[in-house]
Amino acid sequence: MSKIVRLTTTDNPHDPVNDFGAWWDFDHMKGYNSSERLAAWLTSSADLPSEMQEEIQEEAIDEIVSLNLTGVDTKFVLEV
């Protein structure tokens, strides 16, 4: 079984995988800009295999959540 991991916030009622548009609108309305913060945090390369890119992304999400600068950062995990 694999998983999809995303950065989100505890107050966002929308699924960042299956309802991305509504999730994104809420995230930006609140000023969190989670996707942009994650992108700025990532140190990855398109030349890496996708599995490695996913691992790097999850590590970045874990670091952001551990710092919790917004006070509501959390990790969303969808088992697929």
PDB file of N, CA and C in Angstrom:
ATOM      1  N   MET A   1       0.845  -1.178   0.000  1.00  0.00           N
ATOM      2  CA  MET A   1       0.000   0.000   0.000  1.00  0.00           C
ATOM      3  C   MET A   1       0.890   1.240   0.000  1.00  0.00           C
ATOM      4  N   SER A   2       0.516   2.224  -0.783  1.00  0.00           N
ATOM      5  CA  SER A   2       1.277   3.465  -0.804  1.00  0.00           C
ATOM      6  C   SER A   2       0.435   4.580  -0.192  1.00  0.00           C
ATOM      7  N   LYS A   3       1.030   5.757  -0.103  1.00  0.00           N
ATOM      8  CA  LYS A   3       0.326   6.872   0.524  1.00  0.00           C
ATOM      9  C   LYS A   3       0.622   8.160  -0.218  1.00  0.00           C
ATOM     10  N   ILE A   4      -0.299   9.101  -0.075  1.00  0.00           N
ATOM     11  CA  ILE A   4      -0.134  10.456  -0.580  1.00  0.00           C
ATOM     12  C   ILE A   4      -0.079  11.351   0.644  1.00  0.00           C
ATOM     13  N   VAL A   5       0.936  12.195   0.727  1.00  0.00           N
ATOM     14  CA  VAL A   5       1.137  13.057   1.885  1.00  0.00           C
ATOM     15  C   VAL A   5       1.086  14.514   1.428  1.00  0.00           C
ATOM     16  N   ARG A   6       0.337  15.325   2.155  1.00  0.00           N
ATOM     17  CA  ARG A   6       0.214  16.743   1.841  1.00  0.00           C
ATOM     18  C   ARG A   6       0.306  17.567   3.121  1.00  0.00           C
ATOM     19  N   LEU A   7       0.752  18.807   2.962  1.00  0.00           N
ATOM     20  CA  LEU A   7       0.725  19.772   4.051  1.00  0.00           C
ATOM     21  C   LEU A   7      -0.642  20.439   4.030  1.00  0.00           C
ATOM     22  N   THR A   8      -1.266  20.541   5.195  1.00  0.00           N
ATOM     23  CA  THR A   8      -2.557  21.210   5.298  1.00  0.00           C
ATOM     24  C   THR A   8      -2.636  21.893   6.657  1.00  0.00           C
ATOM     25  N   THR A   9      -3.816  22.342   7.011  1.00  0.00           N
ATOM     26  CA  THR A   9      -4.018  22.974   8.309  1.00  0.00           C
ATOM     27  C   THR A   9      -5.196  22.310   9.008  1.00  0.00           C
ATOM     28  N   THR A  10      -5.182  22.373  10.323  1.00  0.00           N
ATOM     29  CA  THR A  10      -6.204  21.688  11.113  1.00  0.00           C
ATOM     30  C   THR A  10      -7.595  22.273  10.894  1.00  0.00           C
ATOM     31  N   ASP A  11      -7.683  23.526  10.466  1.00  0.00           N
ATOM     32  CA  ASP A  11      -8.993  24.154  10.295  1.00  0.00           C
ATOM     33  C   ASP A  11      -9.529  24.064   8.873  1.00  0.00           C
ATOM     34  N   ASN A  12      -8.775  23.496   7.941  1.00  0.00           N
ATOM     35  CA  ASN A  12      -9.243  23.394   6.562  1.00  0.00           C
ATOM     36  C   ASN A  12     -10.144  22.164   6.440  1.00  0.00           C
ATOM     37  N   PRO A  13     -11.431  22.369   6.132  1.00  0.00           N
ATOM     38  CA  PRO A  13     -12.359  21.240   6.082  1.00  0.00           C
ATOM     39  C   PRO A  13     -12.286  20.430   4.787  1.00  0.00           C
ATOM     40  N   HIS A  14     -11.458  20.847   3.846  1.00  0.00           N
ATOM     41  CA  HIS A  14     -11.410  20.221   2.528  1.00  0.00           C
ATOM     42  C   HIS A  14     -10.226  19.264   2.388  1.00  0.00           C
ATOM     43  N   ASP A  15     -10.417  18.255   1.589  1.00  0.00           N
ATOM     44  CA  ASP A  15      -9.412  17.232   1.299  1.00  0.00           C
ATOM     45  C   ASP A  15      -8.429  17.794   0.263  1.00  0.00           C
ATOM     46  N   PRO A  16      -7.140  17.897   0.606  1.00  0.00           N
ATOM     47  CA  PRO A  16      -6.179  18.485  -0.332  1.00  0.00           C
ATOM     48  C   PRO A  16      -5.857  17.594  -1.530  1.00  0.00           C
ATOM     49  N   VAL A  17      -6.324  16.369  -1.533  1.00  0.00           N
ATOM     50  CA  VAL A  17      -6.094  15.473  -2.670  1.00  0.00           C
ATOM     51  C   VAL A  17      -7.327  15.405  -3.557  1.00  0.00           C
ATOM     52  N   ASN A  18      -8.469  15.077  -2.972  1.00  0.00           N
ATOM     53  CA  ASN A  18      -9.684  14.852  -3.750  1.00  0.00           C
ATOM     54  C   ASN A  18     -10.542  16.088  -3.966  1.00  0.00           C
ATOM     55  N   ASP A  19     -10.271  17.168  -3.246  1.00  0.00           N
ATOM     56  CA  ASP A  19     -11.022  18.415  -3.396  1.00  0.00           C
ATOM     57  C   ASP A  19     -10.046  19.594  -3.366  1.00  0.00           C
ATOM     58  N   PHE A  20      -9.008  19.487  -4.206  1.00  0.00           N
ATOM     59  CA  PHE A  20      -7.907  20.445  -4.152  1.00  0.00           C
ATOM     60  C   PHE A  20      -8.362  21.889  -4.351  1.00  0.00           C
ATOM     61  N   GLY A  21      -9.271  22.135  -5.300  1.00  0.00           N
ATOM     62  CA  GLY A  21      -9.708  23.510  -5.569  1.00  0.00           C
ATOM     63  C   GLY A  21     -10.288  24.190  -4.340  1.00  0.00           C
ATOM     64  N   ALA A  22     -11.215  23.508  -3.674  1.00  0.00           N
ATOM     65  CA  ALA A  22     -11.823  24.070  -2.461  1.00  0.00           C
ATOM     66  C   ALA A  22     -10.782  24.168  -1.347  1.00  0.00           C
ATOM     67  N   TRP A  23      -9.905  23.156  -1.255  1.00  0.00           N
ATOM     68  CA  TRP A  23      -8.845  23.185  -0.246  1.00  0.00           C
ATOM     69  C   TRP A  23      -7.944  24.402  -0.468  1.00  0.00           C
ATOM     70  N   TRP A  24      -7.523  24.601  -1.712  1.00  0.00           N
ATOM     71  CA  TRP A  24      -6.625  25.709  -2.068  1.00  0.00           C
ATOM     72  C   TRP A  24      -7.282  27.052  -1.784  1.00  0.00           C
ATOM     73  N   ASP A  25      -8.574  27.200  -2.175  1.00  0.00           N
ATOM     74  CA  ASP A  25      -9.285  28.460  -1.929  1.00  0.00           C
ATOM     75  C   ASP A  25      -9.323  28.787  -0.437  1.00  0.00           C
ATOM     76  N   PHE A  26      -9.656  27.797   0.393  1.00  0.00           N
ATOM     77  CA  PHE A  26      -9.704  28.012   1.842  1.00  0.00           C
ATOM     78  C   PHE A  26      -8.324  28.376   2.373  1.00  0.00           C
ATOM     79  N   ASP A  27      -7.315  27.628   1.938  1.00  0.00           N
ATOM     80  CA  ASP A  27      -5.943  27.838   2.392  1.00  0.00           C
ATOM     81  C   ASP A  27      -5.471  29.262   2.082  1.00  0.00           C
ATOM     82  N   HIS A  28      -5.767  29.753   0.885  1.00  0.00           N
ATOM     83  CA  HIS A  28      -5.335  31.088   0.506  1.00  0.00           C
ATOM     84  C   HIS A  28      -6.208  32.177   1.120  1.00  0.00           C
ATOM     85  N   MET A  29      -7.499  31.891   1.302  1.00  0.00           N
ATOM     86  CA  MET A  29      -8.379  32.855   1.953  1.00  0.00           C
ATOM     87  C   MET A  29      -7.868  33.147   3.367  1.00  0.00           C
ATOM     88  N   LYS A  30      -7.360  32.120   4.041  1.00  0.00           N
ATOM     89  CA  LYS A  30      -6.838  32.270   5.401  1.00  0.00           C
ATOM     90  C   LYS A  30      -5.406  32.823   5.418  1.00  0.00           C
ATOM     91  N   GLY A  31      -4.762  32.895   4.238  1.00  0.00           N
ATOM     92  CA  GLY A  31      -3.409  33.427   4.176  1.00  0.00           C
ATOM     93  C   GLY A  31      -2.313  32.445   4.533  1.00  0.00           C
ATOM     94  N   TYR A  32      -2.634  31.150   4.572  1.00  0.00           N
ATOM     95  CA  TYR A  32      -1.630  30.150   4.938  1.00  0.00           C
ATOM     96  C   TYR A  32      -0.640  29.881   3.807  1.00  0.00           C
ATOM     97  N   ASN A  33      -1.132  29.823   2.575  1.00  0.00           N
ATOM     98  CA  ASN A  33      -0.275  29.557   1.412  1.00  0.00           C
ATOM     99  C   ASN A  33       0.589  28.316   1.613  1.00  0.00           C
ATOM    100  N   SER A  34      -0.051  27.241   2.041  1.00  0.00           N
ATOM    101  CA  SER A  34       0.656  26.004   2.371  1.00  0.00           C
ATOM    102  C   SER A  34       1.465  25.451   1.212  1.00  0.00           C
ATOM    103  N   SER A  35       0.891  25.431   0.026  1.00  0.00           N
ATOM    104  CA  SER A  35       1.612  24.893  -1.137  1.00  0.00           C
ATOM    105  C   SER A  35       2.871  25.697  -1.427  1.00  0.00           C
ATOM    106  N   GLU A  36       2.751  27.006  -1.346  1.00  0.00           N
ATOM    107  CA  GLU A  36       3.897  27.871  -1.615  1.00  0.00           C
ATOM    108  C   GLU A  36       4.969  27.738  -0.535  1.00  0.00           C
ATOM    109  N   ARG A  37       4.532  27.622   0.725  1.00  0.00           N
ATOM    110  CA  ARG A  37       5.507  27.441   1.807  1.00  0.00           C
ATOM    111  C   ARG A  37       6.251  26.131   1.648  1.00  0.00           C
ATOM    112  N   LEU A  38       5.516  25.073   1.269  1.00  0.00           N
ATOM    113  CA  LEU A  38       6.160  23.781   1.058  1.00  0.00           C
ATOM    114  C   LEU A  38       7.143  23.858  -0.100  1.00  0.00           C
ATOM    115  N   ALA A  39       6.743  24.493  -1.190  1.00  0.00           N
ATOM    116  CA  ALA A  39       7.630  24.615  -2.353  1.00  0.00           C
ATOM    117  C   ALA A  39       8.909  25.361  -1.995  1.00  0.00           C
ATOM    118  N   ALA A  40       8.803  26.379  -1.164  1.00  0.00           N
ATOM    119  CA  ALA A  40       9.979  27.140  -0.758  1.00  0.00           C
ATOM    120  C   ALA A  40      10.889  26.308   0.148  1.00  0.00           C
ATOM    121  N   TRP A  41      10.317  25.370   0.869  1.00  0.00           N
ATOM    122  CA  TRP A  41      11.064  24.530   1.811  1.00  0.00           C
ATOM    123  C   TRP A  41      11.786  23.389   1.112  1.00  0.00           C
ATOM    124  N   LEU A  42      11.230  22.930  -0.012  1.00  0.00           N
ATOM    125  CA  LEU A  42      11.753  21.743  -0.689  1.00  0.00           C
ATOM    126  C   LEU A  42      13.127  21.969  -1.301  1.00  0.00           C
ATOM    127  N   THR A  43      13.961  20.979  -1.179  1.00  0.00           N
ATOM    128  CA  THR A  43      15.243  20.950  -1.864  1.00  0.00           C
ATOM    129  C   THR A  43      15.294  19.637  -2.630  1.00  0.00           C
ATOM    130  N   SER A  44      14.702  19.652  -3.809  1.00  0.00           N
ATOM    131  CA  SER A  44      14.582  18.441  -4.603  1.00  0.00           C
ATOM    132  C   SER A  44      14.968  18.752  -6.039  1.00  0.00           C
ATOM    133  N   SER A  45      14.940  17.745  -6.872  1.00  0.00           N
ATOM    134  CA  SER A  45      15.287  17.904  -8.271  1.00  0.00           C
ATOM    135  C   SER A  45      14.371  17.020  -9.110  1.00  0.00           C
ATOM    136  N   ALA A  46      13.958  17.529 -10.243  1.00  0.00           N
ATOM    137  CA  ALA A  46      13.124  16.753 -11.161  1.00  0.00           C
ATOM    138  C   ALA A  46      13.890  15.553 -11.713  1.00  0.00           C
ATOM    139  N   ASP A  47      15.200  15.561 -11.570  1.00  0.00           N
ATOM    140  CA  ASP A  47      16.022  14.451 -12.051  1.00  0.00           C
ATOM    141  C   ASP A  47      15.962  13.233 -11.129  1.00  0.00           C
ATOM    142  N   LEU A  48      15.447  13.409  -9.917  1.00  0.00           N
ATOM    143  CA  LEU A  48      15.363  12.303  -8.964  1.00  0.00           C
ATOM    144  C   LEU A  48      14.151  11.429  -9.283  1.00  0.00           C
ATOM    145  N   PRO A  49      14.222  10.160  -8.940  1.00  0.00           N
ATOM    146  CA  PRO A  49      13.059   9.281  -9.115  1.00  0.00           C
ATOM    147  C   PRO A  49      11.872   9.796  -8.289  1.00  0.00           C
ATOM    148  N   SER A  50      10.650   9.549  -8.756  1.00  0.00           N
ATOM    149  CA  SER A  50       9.465  10.076  -8.072  1.00  0.00           C
ATOM    150  C   SER A  50       9.365   9.589  -6.633  1.00  0.00           C
ATOM    151  N   GLU A  51       9.787   8.354  -6.362  1.00  0.00           N
ATOM    152  CA  GLU A  51       9.734   7.847  -4.993  1.00  0.00           C
ATOM    153  C   GLU A  51      10.624   8.675  -4.073  1.00  0.00           C
ATOM    154  N   MET A  52      11.781   9.068  -4.567  1.00  0.00           N
ATOM    155  CA  MET A  52      12.705   9.867  -3.761  1.00  0.00           C
ATOM    156  C   MET A  52      12.145  11.281  -3.575  1.00  0.00           C
ATOM    157  N   GLN A  53      11.529  11.828  -4.612  1.00  0.00           N
ATOM    158  CA  GLN A  53      10.916  13.152  -4.495  1.00  0.00           C
ATOM    159  C   GLN A  53       9.803  13.139  -3.446  1.00  0.00           C
ATOM    160  N   GLU A  54       9.016  12.060  -3.429  1.00  0.00           N
ATOM    161  CA  GLU A  54       7.945  11.942  -2.432  1.00  0.00           C
ATOM    162  C   GLU A  54       8.511  11.855  -1.019  1.00  0.00           C
ATOM    163  N   GLU A  55       9.600  11.139  -0.840  1.00  0.00           N
ATOM    164  CA  GLU A  55      10.245  11.048   0.470  1.00  0.00           C
ATOM    165  C   GLU A  55      10.748  12.414   0.920  1.00  0.00           C
ATOM    166  N   ILE A  56      11.372  13.150   0.011  1.00  0.00           N
ATOM    167  CA  ILE A  56      11.888  14.483   0.328  1.00  0.00           C
ATOM    168  C   ILE A  56      10.735  15.409   0.694  1.00  0.00           C
ATOM    169  N   GLN A  57       9.627  15.306  -0.048  1.00  0.00           N
ATOM    170  CA  GLN A  57       8.463  16.139   0.258  1.00  0.00           C
ATOM    171  C   GLN A  57       7.902  15.809   1.636  1.00  0.00           C
ATOM    172  N   GLU A  58       7.810  14.527   1.961  1.00  0.00           N
ATOM    173  CA  GLU A  58       7.285  14.156   3.279  1.00  0.00           C
ATOM    174  C   GLU A  58       8.204  14.646   4.395  1.00  0.00           C
ATOM    175  N   GLU A  59       9.500  14.572   4.200  1.00  0.00           N
ATOM    176  CA  GLU A  59      10.440  15.083   5.205  1.00  0.00           C
ATOM    177  C   GLU A  59      10.257  16.584   5.401  1.00  0.00           C
ATOM    178  N   ALA A  60      10.058  17.322   4.302  1.00  0.00           N
ATOM    179  CA  ALA A  60       9.842  18.766   4.399  1.00  0.00           C
ATOM    180  C   ALA A  60       8.542  19.055   5.143  1.00  0.00           C
ATOM    181  N   ILE A  61       7.489  18.301   4.839  1.00  0.00           N
ATOM    182  CA  ILE A  61       6.212  18.469   5.535  1.00  0.00           C
ATOM    183  C   ILE A  61       6.393  18.203   7.030  1.00  0.00           C
ATOM    184  N   ASP A  62       7.104  17.147   7.365  1.00  0.00           N
ATOM    185  CA  ASP A  62       7.350  16.829   8.780  1.00  0.00           C
ATOM    186  C   ASP A  62       8.085  17.965   9.484  1.00  0.00           C
ATOM    187  N   GLU A  63       9.041  18.577   8.805  1.00  0.00           N
ATOM    188  CA  GLU A  63       9.782  19.692   9.408  1.00  0.00           C
ATOM    189  C   GLU A  63       8.876  20.903   9.600  1.00  0.00           C
ATOM    190  N   ILE A  64       8.065  21.222   8.585  1.00  0.00           N
ATOM    191  CA  ILE A  64       7.149  22.358   8.694  1.00  0.00           C
ATOM    192  C   ILE A  64       6.162  22.135   9.834  1.00  0.00           C
ATOM    193  N   VAL A  65       5.612  20.927   9.922  1.00  0.00           N
ATOM    194  CA  VAL A  65       4.652  20.611  10.981  1.00  0.00           C
ATOM    195  C   VAL A  65       5.327  20.683  12.352  1.00  0.00           C
ATOM    196  N   SER A  66       6.572  20.248  12.451  1.00  0.00           N
ATOM    197  CA  SER A  66       7.252  20.298  13.749  1.00  0.00           C
ATOM    198  C   SER A  66       7.490  21.743  14.197  1.00  0.00           C
ATOM    199  N   LEU A  67       7.728  22.640  13.249  1.00  0.00           N
ATOM    200  CA  LEU A  67       7.894  24.061  13.597  1.00  0.00           C
ATOM    201  C   LEU A  67       6.549  24.732  13.839  1.00  0.00           C
ATOM    202  N   ASN A  68       5.536  24.336  13.063  1.00  0.00           N
ATOM    203  CA  ASN A  68       4.159  24.808  13.186  1.00  0.00           C
ATOM    204  C   ASN A  68       4.079  26.330  13.314  1.00  0.00           C
ATOM    205  N   LEU A  69       4.670  27.031  12.376  1.00  0.00           N
ATOM    206  CA  LEU A  69       4.728  28.486  12.423  1.00  0.00           C
ATOM    207  C   LEU A  69       3.362  29.151  12.343  1.00  0.00           C
ATOM    208  N   THR A  70       2.405  28.514  11.666  1.00  0.00           N
ATOM    209  CA  THR A  70       1.061  29.097  11.571  1.00  0.00           C
ATOM    210  C   THR A  70       0.208  28.745  12.786  1.00  0.00           C
ATOM    211  N   GLY A  71       0.644  27.771  13.561  1.00  0.00           N
ATOM    212  CA  GLY A  71      -0.130  27.316  14.707  1.00  0.00           C
ATOM    213  C   GLY A  71      -1.174  26.270  14.353  1.00  0.00           C
ATOM    214  N   VAL A  72      -1.352  26.002  13.057  1.00  0.00           N
ATOM    215  CA  VAL A  72      -2.367  25.033  12.629  1.00  0.00           C
ATOM    216  C   VAL A  72      -1.838  24.043  11.585  1.00  0.00           C
ATOM    217  N   ASP A  73      -0.543  24.054  11.327  1.00  0.00           N
ATOM    218  CA  ASP A  73       0.018  23.134  10.330  1.00  0.00           C
ATOM    219  C   ASP A  73      -0.168  21.685  10.758  1.00  0.00           C
ATOM    220  N   THR A  74      -0.507  20.848   9.798  1.00  0.00           N
ATOM    221  CA  THR A  74      -0.628  19.423  10.067  1.00  0.00           C
ATOM    222  C   THR A  74      -0.365  18.644   8.782  1.00  0.00           C
ATOM    223  N   LYS A  75      -0.175  17.364   8.939  1.00  0.00           N
ATOM    224  CA  LYS A  75       0.150  16.475   7.830  1.00  0.00           C
ATOM    225  C   LYS A  75      -1.088  15.668   7.465  1.00  0.00           C
ATOM    226  N   PHE A  76      -1.443  15.683   6.183  1.00  0.00           N
ATOM    227  CA  PHE A  76      -2.566  14.915   5.669  1.00  0.00           C
ATOM    228  C   PHE A  76      -2.005  13.674   4.983  1.00  0.00           C
ATOM    229  N   VAL A  77      -2.497  12.500   5.342  1.00  0.00           N
ATOM    230  CA  VAL A  77      -2.031  11.257   4.740  1.00  0.00           C
ATOM    231  C   VAL A  77      -3.242  10.504   4.192  1.00  0.00           C
ATOM    232  N   LEU A  78      -3.156  10.138   2.915  1.00  0.00           N
ATOM    233  CA  LEU A  78      -4.191   9.351   2.259  1.00  0.00           C
ATOM    234  C   LEU A  78      -3.574   8.034   1.820  1.00  0.00           C
ATOM    235  N   GLU A  79      -4.050   6.942   2.389  1.00  0.00           N
ATOM    236  CA  GLU A  79      -3.568   5.612   1.993  1.00  0.00           C
ATOM    237  C   GLU A  79      -4.255   5.232   0.686  1.00  0.00           C
ATOM    238  N   VAL A  80      -3.451   4.813  -0.287  1.00  0.00           N
ATOM    239  CA  VAL A  80      -4.015   4.395  -1.592  1.00  0.00           C
ATOM    240  C   VAL A  80      -3.590   2.996  -1.939  1.00  0.00           C
TER     241      VAL A  80
END
